[in-house]
Amino acid sequence: MKNLPAKIVGSVVSTQERGATAVEYGIMVALIAAVIITVVTLLGGNLSTMFASVATKI
């Protein structure tokens, strides 16, 4: 019974750390998605033009 408060505090801290990790992963995923969207937007027109010219030559 003496260790019950320590177990409760330990489980609360463990849960909070897991939550923080999930938030960090969510931020990383959002940043990666933003980079991918930006690159596709910037290069999309150039790739479309290149494929159209290749298709015309074939």
N, C-alpha and C. Protein backbone atom coordinates (compact mmCIF):
# COMPACT_ATOMS: atom_id res chain seq x y z
N MET A 1 0.82 -1.19 0.00
CA MET A 1 0.00 0.00 0.00
C MET A 1 0.87 1.26 0.00
N LYS A 2 2.12 1.13 0.50
CA LYS A 2 2.98 2.31 0.56
C LYS A 2 3.31 2.84 -0.83
N ASN A 3 3.44 1.96 -1.80
CA ASN A 3 3.85 2.36 -3.14
C ASN A 3 2.70 2.79 -4.04
N LEU A 4 1.49 2.76 -3.54
CA LEU A 4 0.33 3.11 -4.35
C LEU A 4 0.40 4.54 -4.90
N PRO A 5 0.73 5.56 -4.08
CA PRO A 5 0.84 6.91 -4.66
C PRO A 5 1.93 7.00 -5.74
N ALA A 6 3.03 6.31 -5.55
CA ALA A 6 4.10 6.32 -6.54
C ALA A 6 3.64 5.67 -7.83
N LYS A 7 2.87 4.59 -7.73
CA LYS A 7 2.35 3.93 -8.94
C LYS A 7 1.37 4.84 -9.67
N ILE A 8 0.53 5.52 -8.93
CA ILE A 8 -0.45 6.42 -9.55
C ILE A 8 0.27 7.56 -10.26
N VAL A 9 1.24 8.18 -9.58
CA VAL A 9 1.99 9.28 -10.18
C VAL A 9 2.76 8.78 -11.39
N GLY A 10 3.36 7.60 -11.29
CA GLY A 10 4.11 7.02 -12.41
C GLY A 10 3.23 6.77 -13.62
N SER A 11 2.02 6.28 -13.39
CA SER A 11 1.13 6.03 -14.53
C SER A 11 0.65 7.33 -15.16
N VAL A 12 0.44 8.37 -14.36
CA VAL A 12 0.03 9.67 -14.90
C VAL A 12 1.16 10.27 -15.73
N VAL A 13 2.39 10.22 -15.23
CA VAL A 13 3.53 10.76 -15.96
C VAL A 13 3.74 9.97 -17.24
N SER A 14 3.60 8.67 -17.18
CA SER A 14 3.76 7.83 -18.37
C SER A 14 2.72 8.19 -19.43
N THR A 15 1.49 8.40 -19.02
CA THR A 15 0.43 8.77 -19.95
C THR A 15 0.70 10.13 -20.57
N GLN A 16 1.17 11.08 -19.78
CA GLN A 16 1.46 12.41 -20.29
C GLN A 16 2.61 12.35 -21.30
N GLU A 17 3.62 11.54 -21.05
CA GLU A 17 4.73 11.43 -21.99
C GLU A 17 4.28 10.80 -23.30
N ARG A 18 3.41 9.81 -23.22
CA ARG A 18 2.90 9.20 -24.44
C ARG A 18 2.10 10.21 -25.24
N GLY A 19 1.32 11.03 -24.57
CA GLY A 19 0.53 12.06 -25.24
C GLY A 19 1.42 13.09 -25.92
N ALA A 20 2.49 13.48 -25.24
CA ALA A 20 3.42 14.44 -25.84
C ALA A 20 4.09 13.84 -27.06
N THR A 21 4.44 12.58 -26.99
CA THR A 21 5.07 11.92 -28.14
C THR A 21 4.11 11.87 -29.31
N ALA A 22 2.86 11.58 -29.06
CA ALA A 22 1.87 11.54 -30.14
C ALA A 22 1.71 12.91 -30.78
N VAL A 23 1.73 13.95 -29.97
CA VAL A 23 1.62 15.31 -30.51
C VAL A 23 2.84 15.64 -31.36
N GLU A 24 4.02 15.26 -30.88
CA GLU A 24 5.24 15.51 -31.65
C GLU A 24 5.20 14.77 -32.98
N TYR A 25 4.77 13.53 -32.99
CA TYR A 25 4.66 12.78 -34.24
C TYR A 25 3.64 13.43 -35.17
N GLY A 26 2.55 13.91 -34.61
CA GLY A 26 1.54 14.59 -35.42
C GLY A 26 2.09 15.84 -36.08
N ILE A 27 2.89 16.60 -35.34
CA ILE A 27 3.50 17.80 -35.91
C ILE A 27 4.48 17.43 -37.01
N MET A 28 5.27 16.38 -36.79
CA MET A 28 6.23 15.94 -37.82
C MET A 28 5.50 15.51 -39.09
N VAL A 29 4.43 14.77 -38.94
CA VAL A 29 3.66 14.31 -40.11
C VAL A 29 3.06 15.49 -40.85
N ALA A 30 2.56 16.47 -40.12
CA ALA A 30 1.99 17.66 -40.77
C ALA A 30 3.05 18.43 -41.53
N LEU A 31 4.24 18.57 -40.96
CA LEU A 31 5.31 19.28 -41.65
C LEU A 31 5.77 18.53 -42.89
N ILE A 32 5.89 17.22 -42.80
CA ILE A 32 6.29 16.43 -43.96
C ILE A 32 5.24 16.55 -45.06
N ALA A 33 3.97 16.49 -44.68
CA ALA A 33 2.89 16.63 -45.68
C ALA A 33 2.93 18.00 -46.33
N ALA A 34 3.21 19.04 -45.55
CA ALA A 34 3.29 20.39 -46.11
C ALA A 34 4.44 20.50 -47.10
N VAL A 35 5.57 19.89 -46.79
CA VAL A 35 6.72 19.92 -47.71
C VAL A 35 6.38 19.18 -49.00
N ILE A 36 5.75 18.02 -48.88
CA ILE A 36 5.39 17.24 -50.07
C ILE A 36 4.41 18.02 -50.94
N ILE A 37 3.41 18.63 -50.33
CA ILE A 37 2.43 19.41 -51.09
C ILE A 37 3.10 20.58 -51.79
N THR A 38 4.02 21.24 -51.10
CA THR A 38 4.73 22.38 -51.70
C THR A 38 5.57 21.94 -52.88
N VAL A 39 6.30 20.85 -52.73
CA VAL A 39 7.16 20.37 -53.82
C VAL A 39 6.32 19.94 -55.02
N VAL A 40 5.24 19.23 -54.77
CA VAL A 40 4.37 18.78 -55.87
C VAL A 40 3.75 19.98 -56.58
N THR A 41 3.36 20.99 -55.82
CA THR A 41 2.77 22.19 -56.42
C THR A 41 3.79 22.93 -57.29
N LEU A 42 5.01 23.07 -56.78
CA LEU A 42 6.03 23.80 -57.52
C LEU A 42 6.51 23.04 -58.75
N LEU A 43 6.66 21.72 -58.63
CA LEU A 43 7.18 20.94 -59.75
C LEU A 43 6.10 20.37 -60.65
N GLY A 44 4.85 20.43 -60.22
CA GLY A 44 3.75 19.84 -60.97
C GLY A 44 3.62 20.39 -62.37
N GLY A 45 3.67 21.69 -62.52
CA GLY A 45 3.55 22.31 -63.84
C GLY A 45 4.71 21.94 -64.74
N ASN A 46 5.92 21.93 -64.20
CA ASN A 46 7.09 21.57 -65.00
C ASN A 46 7.02 20.11 -65.45
N LEU A 47 6.60 19.23 -64.56
CA LEU A 47 6.49 17.82 -64.93
C LEU A 47 5.41 17.61 -65.98
N SER A 48 4.31 18.31 -65.84
CA SER A 48 3.23 18.18 -66.81
C SER A 48 3.70 18.62 -68.20
N THR A 49 4.43 19.71 -68.26
CA THR A 49 4.96 20.20 -69.53
C THR A 49 5.95 19.20 -70.13
N MET A 50 6.82 18.66 -69.29
CA MET A 50 7.81 17.70 -69.75
C MET A 50 7.14 16.44 -70.31
N PHE A 51 6.16 15.90 -69.59
CA PHE A 51 5.47 14.71 -70.06
C PHE A 51 4.70 14.99 -71.34
N ALA A 52 4.13 16.17 -71.46
CA ALA A 52 3.40 16.54 -72.69
C ALA A 52 4.36 16.59 -73.87
N SER A 53 5.55 17.14 -73.67
CA SER A 53 6.52 17.21 -74.77
C SER A 53 7.02 15.81 -75.15
N VAL A 54 7.22 14.96 -74.17
CA VAL A 54 7.64 13.58 -74.46
C VAL A 54 6.53 12.85 -75.21
N ALA A 55 5.29 13.02 -74.78
CA ALA A 55 4.16 12.38 -75.44
C ALA A 55 4.03 12.86 -76.89
N THR A 56 4.30 14.13 -77.12
CA THR A 56 4.22 14.68 -78.47
C THR A 56 5.31 14.09 -79.37
N LYS A 57 6.50 13.91 -78.83
CA LYS A 57 7.62 13.36 -79.60
C LYS A 57 7.42 11.88 -79.91
N ILE A 58 6.70 11.17 -79.07
CA ILE A 58 6.45 9.75 -79.30
C ILE A 58 5.38 9.64 -80.38
